[in-house]
Amino acid sequence: MAAAFLTHLSEGRIEVRSAGSAPADAVNPAAVAAMAEAGVDMSAETPKILTTEAVQASDVVITMGCGDTCPVFPGKRYLDWKLDDPAGQGVEAVRPIRDEIEHRIRDLLAELLPER
């Protein structure tokens, strides 16, 4: 959801990579539905494994509880967002998670793209 919001709200001005340390086989359908309610289509997304190359190529790395499994490199900015896990939850439970992610993404965009 964070990557979808960042892509959508930055209007293509930020290159976004999305990956996980232990990705599921498919994107959570409740997350897809909750994002559709917010006007963001992520129905074509597929989970990807986090690679060291992706982290090395990034300026800001947002993690959500991957702990020691996430590669760490000097000079990168890391944000570890503690959020409830939407896995296995219905859309009712995912909505507040979605809203918190959107709030954090908007704050991040205000820092990264101050001219917005």
N, C-alpha and C. Protein backbone atom coordinates (compact mmCIF):
# COMPACT_ATOMS: atom_id res chain seq x y z
N MET A 1 0.83 -1.18 0.00
CA MET A 1 0.00 0.00 0.00
C MET A 1 0.88 1.25 0.00
N ALA A 2 2.00 1.20 0.74
CA ALA A 2 2.88 2.37 0.79
C ALA A 2 3.45 2.69 -0.60
N ALA A 3 3.90 1.67 -1.29
CA ALA A 3 4.45 1.88 -2.63
C ALA A 3 3.39 2.41 -3.59
N ALA A 4 2.19 1.88 -3.49
CA ALA A 4 1.11 2.34 -4.38
C ALA A 4 0.75 3.79 -4.09
N PHE A 5 0.66 4.15 -2.80
CA PHE A 5 0.39 5.55 -2.46
C PHE A 5 1.53 6.46 -2.92
N LEU A 6 2.76 6.04 -2.71
CA LEU A 6 3.90 6.87 -3.09
C LEU A 6 3.95 7.08 -4.60
N THR A 7 3.71 6.03 -5.35
CA THR A 7 3.66 6.16 -6.81
C THR A 7 2.53 7.09 -7.23
N HIS A 8 1.36 6.88 -6.67
CA HIS A 8 0.18 7.66 -7.04
C HIS A 8 0.33 9.13 -6.64
N LEU A 9 0.71 9.38 -5.41
CA LEU A 9 0.76 10.75 -4.90
C LEU A 9 1.95 11.55 -5.41
N SER A 10 3.04 10.87 -5.77
CA SER A 10 4.20 11.59 -6.30
C SER A 10 4.04 11.90 -7.79
N GLU A 11 3.00 11.33 -8.39
CA GLU A 11 2.70 11.55 -9.81
C GLU A 11 3.92 11.25 -10.69
N GLY A 12 4.62 10.15 -10.34
CA GLY A 12 5.75 9.71 -11.14
C GLY A 12 7.05 10.45 -10.89
N ARG A 13 7.08 11.37 -9.94
CA ARG A 13 8.30 12.13 -9.68
C ARG A 13 9.29 11.39 -8.79
N ILE A 14 8.86 10.27 -8.22
CA ILE A 14 9.74 9.45 -7.39
C ILE A 14 9.70 8.03 -7.93
N GLU A 15 10.89 7.45 -8.10
CA GLU A 15 10.96 6.05 -8.52
C GLU A 15 10.73 5.18 -7.28
N VAL A 16 9.77 4.31 -7.37
CA VAL A 16 9.36 3.50 -6.22
C VAL A 16 9.64 2.03 -6.50
N ARG A 17 10.23 1.38 -5.53
CA ARG A 17 10.43 -0.06 -5.58
C ARG A 17 9.69 -0.65 -4.39
N SER A 18 9.02 -1.75 -4.60
CA SER A 18 8.31 -2.41 -3.50
C SER A 18 8.74 -3.85 -3.44
N ALA A 19 9.12 -4.28 -2.23
CA ALA A 19 9.55 -5.67 -2.04
C ALA A 19 9.43 -6.02 -0.58
N GLY A 20 9.45 -7.29 -0.31
CA GLY A 20 9.36 -7.74 1.07
C GLY A 20 10.41 -8.78 1.39
N SER A 21 10.70 -8.93 2.67
CA SER A 21 11.68 -9.93 3.09
C SER A 21 11.10 -11.35 3.03
N ALA A 22 9.79 -11.46 3.13
CA ALA A 22 9.10 -12.75 3.01
C ALA A 22 7.77 -12.51 2.31
N PRO A 23 7.81 -12.19 1.00
CA PRO A 23 6.57 -11.83 0.31
C PRO A 23 5.59 -12.99 0.18
N ALA A 24 4.32 -12.63 0.21
CA ALA A 24 3.25 -13.62 0.02
C ALA A 24 3.20 -14.01 -1.46
N ASP A 25 2.35 -14.97 -1.76
CA ASP A 25 2.19 -15.40 -3.15
C ASP A 25 1.39 -14.40 -3.97
N ALA A 26 0.52 -13.63 -3.29
CA ALA A 26 -0.33 -12.67 -3.98
C ALA A 26 -0.55 -11.47 -3.07
N VAL A 27 -0.92 -10.36 -3.66
CA VAL A 27 -1.23 -9.16 -2.89
C VAL A 27 -2.55 -9.41 -2.15
N ASN A 28 -2.60 -8.96 -0.92
CA ASN A 28 -3.78 -9.13 -0.07
C ASN A 28 -5.01 -8.51 -0.75
N PRO A 29 -6.04 -9.30 -1.05
CA PRO A 29 -7.22 -8.76 -1.72
C PRO A 29 -7.92 -7.67 -0.92
N ALA A 30 -7.87 -7.74 0.41
CA ALA A 30 -8.48 -6.69 1.23
C ALA A 30 -7.71 -5.39 1.08
N ALA A 31 -6.39 -5.46 0.93
CA ALA A 31 -5.58 -4.26 0.70
C ALA A 31 -5.89 -3.68 -0.68
N VAL A 32 -6.04 -4.53 -1.67
CA VAL A 32 -6.40 -4.07 -3.02
C VAL A 32 -7.74 -3.35 -2.98
N ALA A 33 -8.72 -3.93 -2.26
CA ALA A 33 -10.05 -3.33 -2.16
C ALA A 33 -10.00 -2.00 -1.41
N ALA A 34 -9.26 -1.96 -0.31
CA ALA A 34 -9.15 -0.72 0.48
C ALA A 34 -8.48 0.38 -0.33
N MET A 35 -7.47 0.03 -1.09
CA MET A 35 -6.78 1.03 -1.91
C MET A 35 -7.69 1.51 -3.04
N ALA A 36 -8.48 0.62 -3.61
CA ALA A 36 -9.43 1.01 -4.66
C ALA A 36 -10.42 2.03 -4.11
N GLU A 37 -10.83 1.86 -2.86
CA GLU A 37 -11.73 2.83 -2.24
C GLU A 37 -11.08 4.21 -2.15
N ALA A 38 -9.75 4.23 -2.04
CA ALA A 38 -9.00 5.49 -1.95
C ALA A 38 -8.60 6.02 -3.33
N GLY A 39 -9.05 5.33 -4.39
CA GLY A 39 -8.76 5.78 -5.75
C GLY A 39 -7.42 5.34 -6.29
N VAL A 40 -6.82 4.31 -5.68
CA VAL A 40 -5.52 3.81 -6.11
C VAL A 40 -5.67 2.35 -6.52
N ASP A 41 -5.37 2.06 -7.78
CA ASP A 41 -5.48 0.70 -8.30
C ASP A 41 -4.15 -0.02 -8.15
N MET A 42 -4.13 -1.04 -7.32
CA MET A 42 -2.91 -1.86 -7.21
C MET A 42 -3.23 -3.33 -7.51
N SER A 43 -4.28 -3.54 -8.30
CA SER A 43 -4.72 -4.90 -8.61
C SER A 43 -3.73 -5.67 -9.48
N ALA A 44 -2.88 -4.97 -10.21
CA ALA A 44 -1.91 -5.66 -11.08
C ALA A 44 -0.58 -5.91 -10.39
N GLU A 45 -0.44 -5.48 -9.14
CA GLU A 45 0.84 -5.65 -8.42
C GLU A 45 1.05 -7.10 -8.02
N THR A 46 2.32 -7.48 -7.95
CA THR A 46 2.68 -8.81 -7.48
C THR A 46 3.78 -8.67 -6.42
N PRO A 47 3.74 -9.49 -5.39
CA PRO A 47 4.78 -9.44 -4.36
C PRO A 47 6.15 -9.80 -4.93
N LYS A 48 7.18 -9.10 -4.46
CA LYS A 48 8.55 -9.34 -4.92
C LYS A 48 9.45 -9.47 -3.69
N ILE A 49 10.54 -10.21 -3.86
CA ILE A 49 11.51 -10.38 -2.78
C ILE A 49 12.43 -9.17 -2.73
N LEU A 50 12.76 -8.74 -1.52
CA LEU A 50 13.68 -7.63 -1.33
C LEU A 50 15.09 -8.08 -1.65
N THR A 51 15.77 -7.34 -2.51
CA THR A 51 17.14 -7.68 -2.87
C THR A 51 18.10 -6.61 -2.35
N THR A 52 19.34 -6.99 -2.17
CA THR A 52 20.34 -6.01 -1.75
C THR A 52 20.52 -4.95 -2.82
N GLU A 53 20.38 -5.33 -4.08
CA GLU A 53 20.52 -4.36 -5.17
C GLU A 53 19.46 -3.27 -5.10
N ALA A 54 18.24 -3.65 -4.75
CA ALA A 54 17.16 -2.66 -4.64
C ALA A 54 17.44 -1.69 -3.50
N VAL A 55 17.95 -2.20 -2.39
CA VAL A 55 18.28 -1.32 -1.27
C VAL A 55 19.44 -0.40 -1.63
N GLN A 56 20.46 -0.95 -2.27
CA GLN A 56 21.61 -0.15 -2.66
C GLN A 56 21.23 0.97 -3.62
N ALA A 57 20.25 0.75 -4.46
CA ALA A 57 19.84 1.73 -5.46
C ALA A 57 18.86 2.77 -4.91
N SER A 58 18.47 2.63 -3.65
CA SER A 58 17.46 3.50 -3.06
C SER A 58 18.09 4.59 -2.19
N ASP A 59 17.43 5.73 -2.14
CA ASP A 59 17.84 6.81 -1.24
C ASP A 59 17.15 6.68 0.12
N VAL A 60 15.88 6.27 0.09
CA VAL A 60 15.10 6.09 1.31
C VAL A 60 14.54 4.67 1.28
N VAL A 61 14.70 3.97 2.40
CA VAL A 61 14.20 2.61 2.51
C VAL A 61 13.19 2.58 3.65
N ILE A 62 11.96 2.23 3.32
CA ILE A 62 10.92 2.12 4.33
C ILE A 62 10.72 0.64 4.63
N THR A 63 10.90 0.28 5.89
CA THR A 63 10.68 -1.10 6.30
C THR A 63 9.47 -1.13 7.23
N MET A 64 8.88 -2.30 7.29
CA MET A 64 7.71 -2.49 8.15
C MET A 64 7.90 -3.77 8.92
N GLY A 65 8.89 -3.74 9.80
CA GLY A 65 9.10 -4.87 10.69
C GLY A 65 9.90 -6.02 10.13
N CYS A 66 10.82 -5.78 9.21
CA CYS A 66 11.59 -6.91 8.68
C CYS A 66 12.82 -7.20 9.53
N GLY A 67 13.12 -6.35 10.50
CA GLY A 67 14.20 -6.63 11.45
C GLY A 67 15.53 -6.88 10.80
N ASP A 68 16.21 -7.93 11.25
CA ASP A 68 17.57 -8.22 10.78
C ASP A 68 17.61 -8.78 9.36
N THR A 69 16.47 -9.13 8.78
CA THR A 69 16.48 -9.71 7.44
C THR A 69 16.65 -8.66 6.35
N CYS A 70 16.47 -7.39 6.69
CA CYS A 70 16.63 -6.31 5.70
C CYS A 70 18.08 -5.88 5.63
N PRO A 71 18.62 -5.79 4.41
CA PRO A 71 20.00 -5.32 4.28
C PRO A 71 20.12 -3.84 4.67
N VAL A 72 21.22 -3.51 5.33
CA VAL A 72 21.45 -2.13 5.77
C VAL A 72 22.78 -1.67 5.18
N PHE A 73 22.76 -0.49 4.57
CA PHE A 73 23.96 0.08 3.97
C PHE A 73 24.16 1.49 4.48
N PRO A 74 25.41 1.85 4.78
CA PRO A 74 25.69 3.22 5.23
C PRO A 74 25.26 4.24 4.19
N GLY A 75 24.79 5.37 4.67
CA GLY A 75 24.41 6.46 3.77
C GLY A 75 22.97 6.42 3.29
N LYS A 76 22.26 5.36 3.59
CA LYS A 76 20.85 5.26 3.21
C LYS A 76 19.99 5.77 4.36
N ARG A 77 18.88 6.33 4.03
CA ARG A 77 17.92 6.75 5.05
C ARG A 77 16.92 5.63 5.26
N TYR A 78 16.79 5.16 6.49
CA TYR A 78 15.88 4.07 6.81
C TYR A 78 14.75 4.59 7.69
N LEU A 79 13.54 4.22 7.35
CA LEU A 79 12.36 4.51 8.15
C LEU A 79 11.70 3.17 8.46
N ASP A 80 11.59 2.82 9.72
CA ASP A 80 10.92 1.57 10.09
C ASP A 80 9.55 1.93 10.65
N TRP A 81 8.53 1.65 9.87
CA TRP A 81 7.17 2.00 10.25
C TRP A 81 6.52 0.83 10.96
N LYS A 82 6.17 1.03 12.21
CA LYS A 82 5.47 0.01 13.00
C LYS A 82 3.97 0.15 12.72
N LEU A 83 3.44 -0.80 11.99
CA LEU A 83 2.03 -0.80 11.61
C LEU A 83 1.44 -2.18 11.84
N ASP A 84 0.14 -2.24 12.02
CA ASP A 84 -0.53 -3.53 12.08
C ASP A 84 -0.36 -4.23 10.73
N ASP A 85 -0.25 -5.54 10.76
CA ASP A 85 -0.10 -6.32 9.54
C ASP A 85 -1.48 -6.59 8.95
N PRO A 86 -1.71 -6.19 7.69
CA PRO A 86 -3.02 -6.43 7.08
C PRO A 86 -3.23 -7.86 6.60
N ALA A 87 -2.20 -8.69 6.66
CA ALA A 87 -2.31 -10.07 6.18
C ALA A 87 -3.44 -10.80 6.89
N GLY A 88 -4.31 -11.42 6.11
CA GLY A 88 -5.40 -12.20 6.66
C GLY A 88 -6.55 -11.39 7.23
N GLN A 89 -6.49 -10.08 7.11
CA GLN A 89 -7.53 -9.21 7.66
C GLN A 89 -8.53 -8.84 6.56
N GLY A 90 -9.72 -8.53 6.96
CA GLY A 90 -10.74 -8.05 6.04
C GLY A 90 -10.56 -6.57 5.76
N VAL A 91 -11.32 -6.06 4.81
CA VAL A 91 -11.19 -4.67 4.39
C VAL A 91 -11.48 -3.70 5.54
N GLU A 92 -12.39 -4.07 6.44
CA GLU A 92 -12.70 -3.20 7.59
C GLU A 92 -11.46 -2.96 8.44
N ALA A 93 -10.67 -4.00 8.66
CA ALA A 93 -9.44 -3.87 9.47
C ALA A 93 -8.32 -3.21 8.69
N VAL A 94 -8.34 -3.32 7.37
CA VAL A 94 -7.27 -2.76 6.55
C VAL A 94 -7.42 -1.25 6.37
N ARG A 95 -8.64 -0.75 6.40
CA ARG A 95 -8.85 0.70 6.17
C ARG A 95 -8.03 1.59 7.10
N PRO A 96 -8.02 1.36 8.42
CA PRO A 96 -7.22 2.24 9.27
C PRO A 96 -5.71 2.11 9.01
N ILE A 97 -5.26 0.93 8.61
CA ILE A 97 -3.85 0.74 8.25
C ILE A 97 -3.56 1.54 6.99
N ARG A 98 -4.44 1.44 6.01
CA ARG A 98 -4.31 2.20 4.77
C ARG A 98 -4.23 3.70 5.07
N ASP A 99 -5.12 4.18 5.92
CA ASP A 99 -5.16 5.61 6.23
C ASP A 99 -3.89 6.08 6.92
N GLU A 100 -3.34 5.26 7.81
CA GLU A 100 -2.08 5.60 8.48
C GLU A 100 -0.93 5.63 7.49
N ILE A 101 -0.90 4.67 6.58
CA ILE A 101 0.14 4.64 5.55
C ILE A 101 0.03 5.88 4.67
N GLU A 102 -1.17 6.24 4.27
CA GLU A 102 -1.34 7.43 3.43
C GLU A 102 -0.83 8.67 4.16
N HIS A 103 -1.15 8.81 5.43
CA HIS A 103 -0.69 9.95 6.23
C HIS A 103 0.84 10.01 6.24
N ARG A 104 1.48 8.87 6.48
CA ARG A 104 2.95 8.83 6.53
C ARG A 104 3.56 9.13 5.16
N ILE A 105 2.95 8.62 4.11
CA ILE A 105 3.46 8.89 2.76
C ILE A 105 3.33 10.38 2.43
N ARG A 106 2.22 10.99 2.78
CA ARG A 106 2.05 12.43 2.54
C ARG A 106 3.10 13.25 3.30
N ASP A 107 3.40 12.86 4.54
CA ASP A 107 4.46 13.53 5.31
C ASP A 107 5.81 13.36 4.64
N LEU A 108 6.10 12.15 4.18
CA LEU A 108 7.37 11.89 3.49
C LEU A 108 7.47 12.70 2.21
N LEU A 109 6.39 12.76 1.46
CA LEU A 109 6.40 13.55 0.23
C LEU A 109 6.64 15.03 0.49
N ALA A 110 6.12 15.54 1.60
CA ALA A 110 6.35 16.94 1.95
C ALA A 110 7.84 17.20 2.17
N GLU A 111 8.57 16.20 2.65
CA GLU A 111 10.01 16.33 2.83
C GLU A 111 10.76 16.15 1.51
N LEU A 112 10.37 15.13 0.74
CA LEU A 112 11.10 14.81 -0.49
C LEU A 112 10.80 15.77 -1.65
N LEU A 113 9.58 16.26 -1.69
CA LEU A 113 9.15 17.16 -2.77
C LEU A 113 8.54 18.42 -2.14
N PRO A 114 9.36 19.25 -1.49
CA PRO A 114 8.80 20.40 -0.77
C PRO A 114 8.09 21.42 -1.66
N GLU A 115 8.35 21.39 -2.95
CA GLU A 115 7.71 22.36 -3.85
C GLU A 115 6.27 21.99 -4.19
N ARG A 116 5.82 20.83 -3.74
CA ARG A 116 4.45 20.37 -4.04
C ARG A 116 3.44 21.32 -3.47
